[in-house]
Amino acid sequence: MTSAAELRDQLVGLVDIRCMDPLEILLQDASSVAALRARIRTEAEVWTREMLTADDDTALGVIMRVVAALFPGDEPFDPPVDWWRTPMGQVTARRVGHPTAVRVSYPVAGAMLGISKQGVHDLISRGKLARHPDGGVVPASIRDRLRQQHHV
């Protein structure tokens, strides 16, 4: 399971790379961004706590805000398979499932669960995961399985 420190560090790193570094380049002044970097470290502690321990609605709201801010685009959020193995990916899978998809591929489901594509197929065959009528896996069933494992 993801530790709070790992999640916080990933959040700080993402904001640095996607927001602070470009601002520093545009402003050509690291000191102008220094106070924002300190504030982000403080805010990342709050985001981490809310993602890990808050009620589902609060966790979903924080996750969606972070995803929208750090992964902007005109298309629905569709991170690479490896992203699901990161601290942010793991907490997102456990708290939300997938924030924008109604179905995910077997490889994505496997990454979310930390198992192989064959393992996903086996879980679907045994009725432990829900297969989407159009193919793939229902993300809510992945979330539910992760929550069951977390509480055991």
Protein backbone atom coordinates (compact mmCIF):
# COMPACT_ATOMS: atom_id res chain seq x y z
CA MET A 1 0.00 0.00 0.00
CA THR A 2 1.07 3.56 -0.70
CA SER A 3 2.56 5.51 2.19
CA ALA A 4 1.55 9.08 2.88
CA ALA A 5 5.14 10.22 2.39
CA GLU A 6 5.38 8.57 -1.04
CA LEU A 7 2.10 10.13 -2.17
CA ARG A 8 3.04 13.58 -0.81
CA ASP A 9 6.43 13.42 -2.51
CA GLN A 10 4.89 12.44 -5.83
CA LEU A 11 2.36 15.28 -5.59
CA VAL A 12 5.07 17.83 -4.79
CA GLY A 13 7.19 16.49 -7.65
CA LEU A 14 4.34 16.64 -10.14
CA VAL A 15 3.42 20.20 -9.21
CA ASP A 16 7.10 21.21 -9.41
CA ILE A 17 7.55 19.71 -12.86
CA ARG A 18 4.22 20.72 -14.36
CA CYS A 19 3.64 24.10 -12.71
CA MET A 20 6.54 25.58 -10.75
CA ASP A 21 9.37 24.82 -13.18
CA PRO A 22 7.53 26.42 -16.14
CA LEU A 23 6.74 29.50 -14.00
CA GLU A 24 10.37 29.78 -12.98
CA ILE A 25 11.40 29.61 -16.64
CA LEU A 26 8.83 32.21 -17.70
CA LEU A 27 9.63 34.61 -14.88
CA GLN A 28 13.39 33.96 -15.07
CA ASP A 29 13.48 34.28 -11.31
CA ALA A 30 13.63 31.33 -8.90
CA SER A 31 13.03 33.56 -5.88
CA SER A 32 9.62 34.60 -7.20
CA VAL A 33 8.50 30.97 -7.19
CA ALA A 34 10.14 29.96 -3.89
CA ALA A 35 7.16 30.98 -1.73
CA LEU A 36 4.80 29.05 -4.01
CA ARG A 37 7.01 25.95 -3.76
CA ALA A 38 6.83 26.14 0.05
CA ARG A 39 3.05 26.54 -0.10
CA ILE A 40 2.74 23.54 -2.42
CA ARG A 41 4.65 21.38 0.09
CA THR A 42 2.14 22.41 2.77
CA GLU A 43 -0.87 21.90 0.49
CA ALA A 44 0.43 18.50 -0.65
CA GLU A 45 0.26 17.34 2.98
CA VAL A 46 -3.44 18.30 3.05
CA TRP A 47 -4.17 16.71 -0.34
CA THR A 48 -2.41 13.53 0.78
CA ARG A 49 -4.38 13.31 4.02
CA GLU A 50 -7.67 13.92 2.20
CA MET A 51 -6.91 11.40 -0.55
CA LEU A 52 -5.98 8.72 1.97
CA THR A 53 -8.37 9.27 4.86
CA ALA A 54 -11.23 11.64 4.03
CA ASP A 55 -14.73 10.51 3.12
CA ASP A 56 -15.25 9.29 -0.47
CA ASP A 57 -16.73 12.57 -1.77
CA THR A 58 -13.86 14.65 -0.40
CA ALA A 59 -11.23 12.20 -1.69
CA LEU A 60 -12.87 12.15 -5.12
CA GLY A 61 -12.95 15.95 -5.23
CA VAL A 62 -9.27 16.28 -4.36
CA ILE A 63 -8.25 13.57 -6.82
CA MET A 64 -10.29 15.17 -9.60
CA ARG A 65 -8.82 18.64 -8.87
CA VAL A 66 -5.28 17.29 -8.92
CA VAL A 67 -5.87 15.26 -12.10
CA ALA A 68 -7.51 18.24 -13.86
CA ALA A 69 -4.72 20.61 -12.86
CA LEU A 70 -1.74 18.35 -13.47
CA PHE A 71 -2.96 16.37 -16.47
CA PRO A 72 -4.91 18.91 -18.53
CA GLY A 73 -6.15 18.08 -21.98
CA ASP A 74 -9.09 18.04 -24.30
CA GLU A 75 -9.43 14.27 -24.05
CA PRO A 76 -10.57 12.27 -21.00
CA PHE A 77 -7.83 11.41 -18.52
CA ASP A 78 -6.08 8.30 -19.82
CA PRO A 79 -2.75 7.83 -18.06
CA PRO A 80 -0.20 5.27 -19.23
CA VAL A 81 -0.45 1.83 -17.65
CA ASP A 82 2.64 2.44 -15.48
CA TRP A 83 0.99 5.49 -13.86
CA TRP A 84 -1.37 3.15 -11.99
CA ARG A 85 1.64 1.71 -10.15
CA THR A 86 2.63 5.13 -8.77
CA PRO A 87 1.44 6.33 -5.35
CA MET A 88 -1.10 8.68 -6.99
CA GLY A 89 -2.29 5.90 -9.30
CA GLN A 90 -2.67 3.45 -6.43
CA VAL A 91 -4.67 5.82 -4.23
CA THR A 92 -6.82 6.83 -7.22
CA ALA A 93 -7.58 3.19 -8.02
CA ARG A 94 -8.51 2.42 -4.41
CA ARG A 95 -10.53 5.57 -3.73
CA VAL A 96 -12.15 6.20 -7.14
CA GLY A 97 -11.44 3.34 -9.52
CA HIS A 98 -10.82 5.43 -12.62
CA PRO A 99 -11.79 9.10 -12.43
CA THR A 100 -13.15 9.37 -15.99
CA ALA A 101 -13.56 5.92 -17.61
CA VAL A 102 -16.59 3.62 -17.47
CA ARG A 103 -14.36 0.72 -18.56
CA VAL A 104 -10.65 -0.02 -18.66
CA SER A 105 -8.60 -2.56 -20.58
CA TYR A 106 -7.30 -5.74 -18.96
CA PRO A 107 -3.71 -4.37 -18.88
CA VAL A 108 -4.90 -1.19 -17.14
CA ALA A 109 -7.02 -3.22 -14.70
CA GLY A 110 -3.98 -5.38 -13.99
CA ALA A 111 -1.82 -2.33 -13.31
CA MET A 112 -4.49 -0.87 -11.03
CA LEU A 113 -4.63 -4.14 -9.10
CA GLY A 114 -0.92 -4.92 -9.25
CA ILE A 115 -1.50 -8.21 -11.09
CA SER A 116 -1.07 -9.60 -14.59
CA LYS A 117 -3.56 -9.36 -17.45
CA GLN A 118 -4.13 -13.10 -16.99
CA GLY A 119 -4.87 -12.49 -13.32
CA VAL A 120 -7.56 -9.98 -14.34
CA HIS A 121 -9.05 -12.54 -16.73
CA ASP A 122 -9.12 -15.13 -13.94
CA LEU A 123 -10.85 -12.70 -11.54
CA ILE A 124 -13.49 -11.91 -14.17
CA SER A 125 -14.02 -15.62 -14.86
CA ARG A 126 -14.56 -16.22 -11.13
CA GLY A 127 -16.95 -13.27 -10.80
CA LYS A 128 -14.53 -11.27 -8.63
CA LEU A 129 -14.40 -8.37 -11.12
CA ALA A 130 -17.17 -7.00 -13.32
CA ARG A 131 -16.69 -7.23 -17.06
CA HIS A 132 -18.05 -4.24 -18.97
CA PRO A 133 -20.65 -5.19 -21.64
CA ASP A 134 -18.52 -3.47 -24.30
CA GLY A 135 -15.32 -5.23 -23.17
CA GLY A 136 -12.78 -4.48 -20.53
CA VAL A 137 -13.39 -4.13 -16.80
CA VAL A 138 -15.71 -1.86 -14.81
CA PRO A 139 -13.40 0.42 -12.75
CA ALA A 140 -15.77 0.45 -9.77
CA SER A 141 -15.29 -3.31 -9.42
CA ILE A 142 -11.52 -2.76 -9.29
CA ARG A 143 -11.98 -0.10 -6.62
CA ASP A 144 -14.25 -2.40 -4.61
CA ARG A 145 -11.75 -5.27 -4.80
CA LEU A 146 -8.90 -3.01 -3.69
CA ARG A 147 -10.97 -1.75 -0.77
CA GLN A 148 -11.77 -5.33 0.29
CA GLN A 149 -8.09 -6.21 0.19
CA HIS A 150 -7.20 -3.09 2.14
CA HIS A 151 -9.62 -3.92 4.95
CA VAL A 152 -8.52 -7.53 5.32
